[in-house]
Amino acid sequence: MPVISRFYGLIVKMYFRQSEHNPPHIHVIYGEYLGVIDIQTLEMLEGDLPSKALSLVLEWMKNHKAELLEIWNTQLFRQLPPLE
């Protein structure tokens, strides 16, 4: 699973395989915590990210929503800048 971005101890990944299922989403790792977040609705679909980590990821996702959807739709990997 390629790493899309890293910031503040958060690792953002996306699967790149034909069997990956909708809705478009990212996987976030923060220490021992994991989360799966819908790119379009910004809803956490699975996981247990702490609220502060989730708020940082959601802020980052809002800034890169179009790029994340493009990566999902084209399956062309690229890294995105971290949250600053």
PDB file of N, CA and C in Angstrom:
ATOM      1  N   MET A   1       0.859  -1.168   0.000  1.00  0.00           N
ATOM      2  CA  MET A   1       0.000   0.000   0.000  1.00  0.00           C
ATOM      3  C   MET A   1       0.906   1.232   0.000  1.00  0.00           C
ATOM      4  N   PRO A   2       0.920   2.008  -1.073  1.00  0.00           N
ATOM      5  CA  PRO A   2       1.798   3.177  -1.155  1.00  0.00           C
ATOM      6  C   PRO A   2       1.431   4.258  -0.136  1.00  0.00           C
ATOM      7  N   VAL A   3       2.454   4.942   0.342  1.00  0.00           N
ATOM      8  CA  VAL A   3       2.262   6.063   1.258  1.00  0.00           C
ATOM      9  C   VAL A   3       1.988   7.313   0.425  1.00  0.00           C
ATOM     10  N   ILE A   4       0.854   7.957   0.705  1.00  0.00           N
ATOM     11  CA  ILE A   4       0.468   9.177   0.000  1.00  0.00           C
ATOM     12  C   ILE A   4       1.082  10.402   0.687  1.00  0.00           C
ATOM     13  N   SER A   5       1.131  10.376   2.042  1.00  0.00           N
ATOM     14  CA  SER A   5       1.691  11.498   2.784  1.00  0.00           C
ATOM     15  C   SER A   5       2.011  11.064   4.210  1.00  0.00           C
ATOM     16  N   ARG A   6       2.896  11.838   4.851  1.00  0.00           N
ATOM     17  CA  ARG A   6       3.251  11.654   6.263  1.00  0.00           C
ATOM     18  C   ARG A   6       3.320  13.024   6.914  1.00  0.00           C
ATOM     19  N   PHE A   7       2.699  13.144   8.088  1.00  0.00           N
ATOM     20  CA  PHE A   7       2.790  14.391   8.859  1.00  0.00           C
ATOM     21  C   PHE A   7       2.328  14.145  10.284  1.00  0.00           C
ATOM     22  N   TYR A   8       2.980  14.810  11.210  1.00  0.00           N
ATOM     23  CA  TYR A   8       2.635  14.743  12.638  1.00  0.00           C
ATOM     24  C   TYR A   8       2.446  13.313  13.146  1.00  0.00           C
ATOM     25  N   GLY A   9       3.266  12.401  12.677  1.00  0.00           N
ATOM     26  CA  GLY A   9       3.168  11.017  13.108  1.00  0.00           C
ATOM     27  C   GLY A   9       2.089  10.203  12.408  1.00  0.00           C
ATOM     28  N   LEU A  10       1.364  10.825  11.494  1.00  0.00           N
ATOM     29  CA  LEU A  10       0.299  10.161  10.737  1.00  0.00           C
ATOM     30  C   LEU A  10       0.860   9.659   9.412  1.00  0.00           C
ATOM     31  N   ILE A  11       0.469   8.465   9.025  1.00  0.00           N
ATOM     32  CA  ILE A  11       0.860   7.897   7.740  1.00  0.00           C
ATOM     33  C   ILE A  11      -0.421   7.653   6.952  1.00  0.00           C
ATOM     34  N   VAL A  12      -0.513   8.280   5.781  1.00  0.00           N
ATOM     35  CA  VAL A  12      -1.700   8.168   4.931  1.00  0.00           C
ATOM     36  C   VAL A  12      -1.363   7.262   3.761  1.00  0.00           C
ATOM     37  N   LYS A  13      -2.182   6.202   3.587  1.00  0.00           N
ATOM     38  CA  LYS A  13      -1.947   5.231   2.521  1.00  0.00           C
ATOM     39  C   LYS A  13      -3.218   5.008   1.712  1.00  0.00           C
ATOM     40  N   MET A  14      -3.029   4.434   0.519  1.00  0.00           N
ATOM     41  CA  MET A  14      -4.164   4.065  -0.330  1.00  0.00           C
ATOM     42  C   MET A  14      -3.804   2.765  -1.033  1.00  0.00           C
ATOM     43  N   TYR A  15      -4.748   1.838  -1.062  1.00  0.00           N
ATOM     44  CA  TYR A  15      -4.529   0.582  -1.781  1.00  0.00           C
ATOM     45  C   TYR A  15      -4.540   0.827  -3.285  1.00  0.00           C
ATOM     46  N   PHE A  16      -3.729   0.066  -3.994  1.00  0.00           N
ATOM     47  CA  PHE A  16      -3.681   0.146  -5.449  1.00  0.00           C
ATOM     48  C   PHE A  16      -3.819  -1.244  -6.029  1.00  0.00           C
ATOM     49  N   ARG A  17      -5.049  -1.714  -6.071  1.00  0.00           N
ATOM     50  CA  ARG A  17      -5.313  -3.017  -6.687  1.00  0.00           C
ATOM     51  C   ARG A  17      -6.763  -3.034  -7.154  1.00  0.00           C
ATOM     52  N   GLN A  18      -7.023  -3.808  -8.151  1.00  0.00           N
ATOM     53  CA  GLN A  18      -8.347  -3.837  -8.766  1.00  0.00           C
ATOM     54  C   GLN A  18      -9.444  -4.272  -7.804  1.00  0.00           C
ATOM     55  N   SER A  19      -9.091  -5.088  -6.834  1.00  0.00           N
ATOM     56  CA  SER A  19     -10.120  -5.602  -5.935  1.00  0.00           C
ATOM     57  C   SER A  19     -10.520  -4.606  -4.847  1.00  0.00           C
ATOM     58  N   GLU A  20      -9.843  -3.454  -4.784  1.00  0.00           N
ATOM     59  CA  GLU A  20     -10.196  -2.467  -3.756  1.00  0.00           C
ATOM     60  C   GLU A  20     -11.624  -2.000  -3.985  1.00  0.00           C
ATOM     61  N   HIS A  21     -12.329  -1.834  -2.940  1.00  0.00           N
ATOM     62  CA  HIS A  21     -13.758  -1.561  -2.992  1.00  0.00           C
ATOM     63  C   HIS A  21     -14.077  -0.078  -2.798  1.00  0.00           C
ATOM     64  N   ASN A  22     -15.248   0.309  -3.257  1.00  0.00           N
ATOM     65  CA  ASN A  22     -15.753   1.662  -3.037  1.00  0.00           C
ATOM     66  C   ASN A  22     -16.408   1.726  -1.674  1.00  0.00           C
ATOM     67  N   PRO A  23     -16.610   2.866  -1.097  1.00  0.00           N
ATOM     68  CA  PRO A  23     -16.354   4.196  -1.634  1.00  0.00           C
ATOM     69  C   PRO A  23     -14.855   4.536  -1.604  1.00  0.00           C
ATOM     70  N   PRO A  24     -14.456   5.538  -2.381  1.00  0.00           N
ATOM     71  CA  PRO A  24     -13.057   5.971  -2.363  1.00  0.00           C
ATOM     72  C   PRO A  24     -12.653   6.346  -0.934  1.00  0.00           C
ATOM     73  N   HIS A  25     -11.510   5.822  -0.483  1.00  0.00           N
ATOM     74  CA  HIS A  25     -11.113   6.055   0.896  1.00  0.00           C
ATOM     75  C   HIS A  25      -9.599   5.973   1.052  1.00  0.00           C
ATOM     76  N   ILE A  26      -9.128   6.466   2.184  1.00  0.00           N
ATOM     77  CA  ILE A  26      -7.720   6.349   2.548  1.00  0.00           C
ATOM     78  C   ILE A  26      -7.617   5.551   3.839  1.00  0.00           C
ATOM     79  N   HIS A  27      -6.419   5.042   4.083  1.00  0.00           N
ATOM     80  CA  HIS A  27      -6.104   4.347   5.326  1.00  0.00           C
ATOM     81  C   HIS A  27      -5.098   5.211   6.069  1.00  0.00           C
ATOM     82  N   VAL A  28      -5.321   5.403   7.363  1.00  0.00           N
ATOM     83  CA  VAL A  28      -4.438   6.228   8.181  1.00  0.00           C
ATOM     84  C   VAL A  28      -3.905   5.380   9.332  1.00  0.00           C
ATOM     85  N   ILE A  29      -2.604   5.473   9.545  1.00  0.00           N
ATOM     86  CA  ILE A  29      -1.951   4.794  10.656  1.00  0.00           C
ATOM     87  C   ILE A  29      -1.360   5.866  11.562  1.00  0.00           C
ATOM     88  N   TYR A  30      -1.636   5.746  12.839  1.00  0.00           N
ATOM     89  CA  TYR A  30      -1.105   6.678  13.836  1.00  0.00           C
ATOM     90  C   TYR A  30      -0.715   5.850  15.059  1.00  0.00           C
ATOM     91  N   GLY A  31       0.565   5.470  15.130  1.00  0.00           N
ATOM     92  CA  GLY A  31       0.998   4.564  16.189  1.00  0.00           C
ATOM     93  C   GLY A  31       0.270   3.243  16.069  1.00  0.00           C
ATOM     94  N   GLU A  32      -0.414   2.847  17.144  1.00  0.00           N
ATOM     95  CA  GLU A  32      -1.177   1.598  17.110  1.00  0.00           C
ATOM     96  C   GLU A  32      -2.604   1.791  16.623  1.00  0.00           C
ATOM     97  N   TYR A  33      -2.968   3.022  16.286  1.00  0.00           N
ATOM     98  CA  TYR A  33      -4.328   3.329  15.824  1.00  0.00           C
ATOM     99  C   TYR A  33      -4.419   3.241  14.304  1.00  0.00           C
ATOM    100  N   LEU A  34      -5.589   2.842  13.838  1.00  0.00           N
ATOM    101  CA  LEU A  34      -5.856   2.743  12.402  1.00  0.00           C
ATOM    102  C   LEU A  34      -7.191   3.410  12.097  1.00  0.00           C
ATOM    103  N   GLY A  35      -7.310   3.960  10.910  1.00  0.00           N
ATOM    104  CA  GLY A  35      -8.583   4.529  10.486  1.00  0.00           C
ATOM    105  C   GLY A  35      -8.747   4.414   8.985  1.00  0.00           C
ATOM    106  N   VAL A  36      -9.980   4.266   8.560  1.00  0.00           N
ATOM    107  CA  VAL A  36     -10.340   4.263   7.141  1.00  0.00           C
ATOM    108  C   VAL A  36     -11.339   5.391   6.970  1.00  0.00           C
ATOM    109  N   ILE A  37     -11.011   6.336   6.081  1.00  0.00           N
ATOM    110  CA  ILE A  37     -11.821   7.544   5.944  1.00  0.00           C
ATOM    111  C   ILE A  37     -12.271   7.728   4.506  1.00  0.00           C
ATOM    112  N   ASP A  38     -13.566   7.955   4.325  1.00  0.00           N
ATOM    113  CA  ASP A  38     -14.171   8.194   3.017  1.00  0.00           C
ATOM    114  C   ASP A  38     -13.677   9.542   2.485  1.00  0.00           C
ATOM    115  N   ILE A  39     -13.161   9.549   1.273  1.00  0.00           N
ATOM    116  CA  ILE A  39     -12.625  10.778   0.680  1.00  0.00           C
ATOM    117  C   ILE A  39     -13.733  11.782   0.384  1.00  0.00           C
ATOM    118  N   GLN A  40     -14.872  11.321  -0.058  1.00  0.00           N
ATOM    119  CA  GLN A  40     -15.941  12.232  -0.459  1.00  0.00           C
ATOM    120  C   GLN A  40     -16.709  12.819   0.718  1.00  0.00           C
ATOM    121  N   THR A  41     -17.022  11.996   1.721  1.00  0.00           N
ATOM    122  CA  THR A  41     -17.840  12.466   2.846  1.00  0.00           C
ATOM    123  C   THR A  41     -17.006  12.843   4.070  1.00  0.00           C
ATOM    124  N   LEU A  42     -15.729  12.453   4.087  1.00  0.00           N
ATOM    125  CA  LEU A  42     -14.828  12.660   5.222  1.00  0.00           C
ATOM    126  C   LEU A  42     -15.322  11.941   6.478  1.00  0.00           C
ATOM    127  N   GLU A  43     -16.082  10.889   6.288  1.00  0.00           N
ATOM    128  CA  GLU A  43     -16.598  10.087   7.388  1.00  0.00           C
ATOM    129  C   GLU A  43     -15.615   8.949   7.682  1.00  0.00           C
ATOM    130  N   MET A  44     -15.361   8.690   8.973  1.00  0.00           N
ATOM    131  CA  MET A  44     -14.513   7.562   9.325  1.00  0.00           C
ATOM    132  C   MET A  44     -15.357   6.297   9.218  1.00  0.00           C
ATOM    133  N   LEU A  45     -14.960   5.418   8.292  1.00  0.00           N
ATOM    134  CA  LEU A  45     -15.699   4.199   8.009  1.00  0.00           C
ATOM    135  C   LEU A  45     -15.344   3.080   8.984  1.00  0.00           C
ATOM    136  N   GLU A  46     -14.093   3.050   9.399  1.00  0.00           N
ATOM    137  CA  GLU A  46     -13.595   2.024  10.315  1.00  0.00           C
ATOM    138  C   GLU A  46     -12.464   2.631  11.124  1.00  0.00           C
ATOM    139  N   GLY A  47     -12.245   2.086  12.303  1.00  0.00           N
ATOM    140  CA  GLY A  47     -11.049   2.450  13.034  1.00  0.00           C
ATOM    141  C   GLY A  47     -11.293   3.134  14.355  1.00  0.00           C
ATOM    142  N   ASP A  48     -10.167   3.559  14.933  1.00  0.00           N
ATOM    143  CA  ASP A  48     -10.190   4.125  16.272  1.00  0.00           C
ATOM    144  C   ASP A  48      -9.178   5.259  16.434  1.00  0.00           C
ATOM    145  N   LEU A  49      -9.062   6.132  15.448  1.00  0.00           N
ATOM    146  CA  LEU A  49      -8.123   7.245  15.556  1.00  0.00           C
ATOM    147  C   LEU A  49      -8.532   8.190  16.686  1.00  0.00           C
ATOM    148  N   PRO A  50      -7.561   8.674  17.460  1.00  0.00           N
ATOM    149  CA  PRO A  50      -7.883   9.689  18.466  1.00  0.00           C
ATOM    150  C   PRO A  50      -8.452  10.941  17.794  1.00  0.00           C
ATOM    151  N   SER A  51      -9.270  11.675  18.498  1.00  0.00           N
ATOM    152  CA  SER A  51      -9.969  12.824  17.897  1.00  0.00           C
ATOM    153  C   SER A  51      -9.006  13.872  17.343  1.00  0.00           C
ATOM    154  N   LYS A  52      -7.892  14.148  18.011  1.00  0.00           N
ATOM    155  CA  LYS A  52      -6.935  15.139  17.511  1.00  0.00           C
ATOM    156  C   LYS A  52      -6.309  14.669  16.192  1.00  0.00           C
ATOM    157  N   ALA A  53      -5.933  13.392  16.132  1.00  0.00           N
ATOM    158  CA  ALA A  53      -5.358  12.840  14.898  1.00  0.00           C
ATOM    159  C   ALA A  53      -6.384  12.885  13.776  1.00  0.00           C
ATOM    160  N   LEU A  54      -7.629  12.531  14.079  1.00  0.00           N
ATOM    161  CA  LEU A  54      -8.684  12.560  13.064  1.00  0.00           C
ATOM    162  C   LEU A  54      -8.902  13.975  12.550  1.00  0.00           C
ATOM    163  N   SER A  55      -8.904  14.954  13.427  1.00  0.00           N
ATOM    164  CA  SER A  55      -9.125  16.331  12.972  1.00  0.00           C
ATOM    165  C   SER A  55      -7.993  16.813  12.068  1.00  0.00           C
ATOM    166  N   LEU A  56      -6.742  16.402  12.353  1.00  0.00           N
ATOM    167  CA  LEU A  56      -5.617  16.766  11.480  1.00  0.00           C
ATOM    168  C   LEU A  56      -5.764  16.123  10.104  1.00  0.00           C
ATOM    169  N   VAL A  57      -6.144  14.844  10.080  1.00  0.00           N
ATOM    170  CA  VAL A  57      -6.325  14.142   8.805  1.00  0.00           C
ATOM    171  C   VAL A  57      -7.452  14.771   8.001  1.00  0.00           C
ATOM    172  N   LEU A  58      -8.548  15.108   8.655  1.00  0.00           N
ATOM    173  CA  LEU A  58      -9.683  15.704   7.938  1.00  0.00           C
ATOM    174  C   LEU A  58      -9.316  17.065   7.356  1.00  0.00           C
ATOM    175  N   GLU A  59      -8.546  17.853   8.101  1.00  0.00           N
ATOM    176  CA  GLU A  59      -8.087  19.146   7.578  1.00  0.00           C
ATOM    177  C   GLU A  59      -7.226  18.932   6.338  1.00  0.00           C
ATOM    178  N   TRP A  60      -6.302  17.954   6.406  1.00  0.00           N
ATOM    179  CA  TRP A  60      -5.444  17.645   5.266  1.00  0.00           C
ATOM    180  C   TRP A  60      -6.268  17.160   4.080  1.00  0.00           C
ATOM    181  N   MET A  61      -7.250  16.293   4.349  1.00  0.00           N
ATOM    182  CA  MET A  61      -8.084  15.751   3.272  1.00  0.00           C
ATOM    183  C   MET A  61      -8.888  16.841   2.573  1.00  0.00           C
ATOM    184  N   LYS A  62      -9.382  17.818   3.315  1.00  0.00           N
ATOM    185  CA  LYS A  62     -10.124  18.927   2.711  1.00  0.00           C
ATOM    186  C   LYS A  62      -9.235  19.688   1.736  1.00  0.00           C
ATOM    187  N   ASN A  63      -7.961  19.841   2.088  1.00  0.00           N
ATOM    188  CA  ASN A  63      -7.019  20.560   1.225  1.00  0.00           C
ATOM    189  C   ASN A  63      -6.637  19.774  -0.028  1.00  0.00           C
ATOM    190  N   HIS A  64      -6.790  18.448   0.010  1.00  0.00           N
ATOM    191  CA  HIS A  64      -6.324  17.596  -1.092  1.00  0.00           C
ATOM    192  C   HIS A  64      -7.404  16.671  -1.644  1.00  0.00           C
ATOM    193  N   LYS A  65      -8.654  17.019  -1.443  1.00  0.00           N
ATOM    194  CA  LYS A  65      -9.761  16.144  -1.851  1.00  0.00           C
ATOM    195  C   LYS A  65      -9.718  15.800  -3.345  1.00  0.00           C
ATOM    196  N   ALA A  66      -9.554  16.801  -4.183  1.00  0.00           N
ATOM    197  CA  ALA A  66      -9.541  16.568  -5.632  1.00  0.00           C
ATOM    198  C   ALA A  66      -8.375  15.664  -6.027  1.00  0.00           C
ATOM    199  N   GLU A  67      -7.206  15.890  -5.433  1.00  0.00           N
ATOM    200  CA  GLU A  67      -6.042  15.075  -5.757  1.00  0.00           C
ATOM    201  C   GLU A  67      -6.228  13.635  -5.285  1.00  0.00           C
ATOM    202  N   LEU A  68      -6.814  13.457  -4.104  1.00  0.00           N
ATOM    203  CA  LEU A  68      -7.063  12.108  -3.593  1.00  0.00           C
ATOM    204  C   LEU A  68      -8.024  11.344  -4.502  1.00  0.00           C
ATOM    205  N   LEU A  69      -9.072  12.010  -4.947  1.00  0.00           N
ATOM    206  CA  LEU A  69     -10.026  11.358  -5.853  1.00  0.00           C
ATOM    207  C   LEU A  69      -9.370  11.025  -7.190  1.00  0.00           C
ATOM    208  N   GLU A  70      -8.500  11.898  -7.662  1.00  0.00           N
ATOM    209  CA  GLU A  70      -7.784  11.624  -8.916  1.00  0.00           C
ATOM    210  C   GLU A  70      -6.883  10.400  -8.760  1.00  0.00           C
ATOM    211  N   ILE A  71      -6.176  10.314  -7.642  1.00  0.00           N
ATOM    212  CA  ILE A  71      -5.323   9.150  -7.390  1.00  0.00           C
ATOM    213  C   ILE A  71      -6.174   7.886  -7.341  1.00  0.00           C
ATOM    214  N   TRP A  72      -7.305   7.947  -6.648  1.00  0.00           N
ATOM    215  CA  TRP A  72      -8.197   6.779  -6.543  1.00  0.00           C
ATOM    216  C   TRP A  72      -8.688   6.342  -7.918  1.00  0.00           C
ATOM    217  N   ASN A  73      -9.144   7.312  -8.716  1.00  0.00           N
ATOM    218  CA  ASN A  73      -9.750   6.995 -10.007  1.00  0.00           C
ATOM    219  C   ASN A  73      -8.742   6.541 -11.060  1.00  0.00           C
ATOM    220  N   THR A  74      -7.544   7.102 -11.042  1.00  0.00           N
ATOM    221  CA  THR A  74      -6.553   6.768 -12.060  1.00  0.00           C
ATOM    222  C   THR A  74      -5.607   5.657 -11.622  1.00  0.00           C
ATOM    223  N   GLN A  75      -5.522   5.433 -10.294  1.00  0.00           N
ATOM    224  CA  GLN A  75      -4.577   4.472  -9.727  1.00  0.00           C
ATOM    225  C   GLN A  75      -3.134   4.858 -10.061  1.00  0.00           C
ATOM    226  N   LEU A  76      -2.903   6.152 -10.302  1.00  0.00           N
ATOM    227  CA  LEU A  76      -1.557   6.658 -10.547  1.00  0.00           C
ATOM    228  C   LEU A  76      -1.042   7.259  -9.249  1.00  0.00           C
ATOM    229  N   PHE A  77      -0.124   6.545  -8.612  1.00  0.00           N
ATOM    230  CA  PHE A  77       0.400   6.951  -7.319  1.00  0.00           C
ATOM    231  C   PHE A  77       1.211   8.232  -7.413  1.00  0.00           C
ATOM    232  N   ARG A  78       1.033   9.081  -6.420  1.00  0.00           N
ATOM    233  CA  ARG A  78       1.925  10.228  -6.212  1.00  0.00           C
ATOM    234  C   ARG A  78       1.803  10.657  -4.769  1.00  0.00           C
ATOM    235  N   GLN A  79       2.848  11.244  -4.268  1.00  0.00           N
ATOM    236  CA  GLN A  79       2.818  11.735  -2.894  1.00  0.00           C
ATOM    237  C   GLN A  79       2.251  13.139  -2.868  1.00  0.00           C
ATOM    238  N   LEU A  80       1.533  13.441  -1.802  1.00  0.00           N
ATOM    239  CA  LEU A  80       0.957  14.757  -1.605  1.00  0.00           C
ATOM    240  C   LEU A  80       1.663  15.435  -0.439  1.00  0.00           C
ATOM    241  N   PRO A  81       1.743  16.770  -0.463  1.00  0.00           N
ATOM    242  CA  PRO A  81       2.446  17.474   0.610  1.00  0.00           C
ATOM    243  C   PRO A  81       1.767  17.283   1.955  1.00  0.00           C
ATOM    244  N   PRO A  82       2.549  17.327   3.025  1.00  0.00           N
ATOM    245  CA  PRO A  82       1.986  17.158   4.364  1.00  0.00           C
ATOM    246  C   PRO A  82       1.192  18.385   4.800  1.00  0.00           C
ATOM    247  N   LEU A  83       0.476  18.214   5.875  1.00  0.00           N
ATOM    248  CA  LEU A  83      -0.225  19.330   6.512  1.00  0.00           C
ATOM    249  C   LEU A  83       0.824  20.204   7.190  1.00  0.00           C
ATOM    250  N   GLU A  84       0.724  21.506   6.995  1.00  0.00           N
ATOM    251  CA  GLU A  84       1.693  22.422   7.630  1.00  0.00           C
ATOM    252  C   GLU A  84       0.994  23.365   8.552  1.00  0.00           C
TER     253      GLU A  84
END
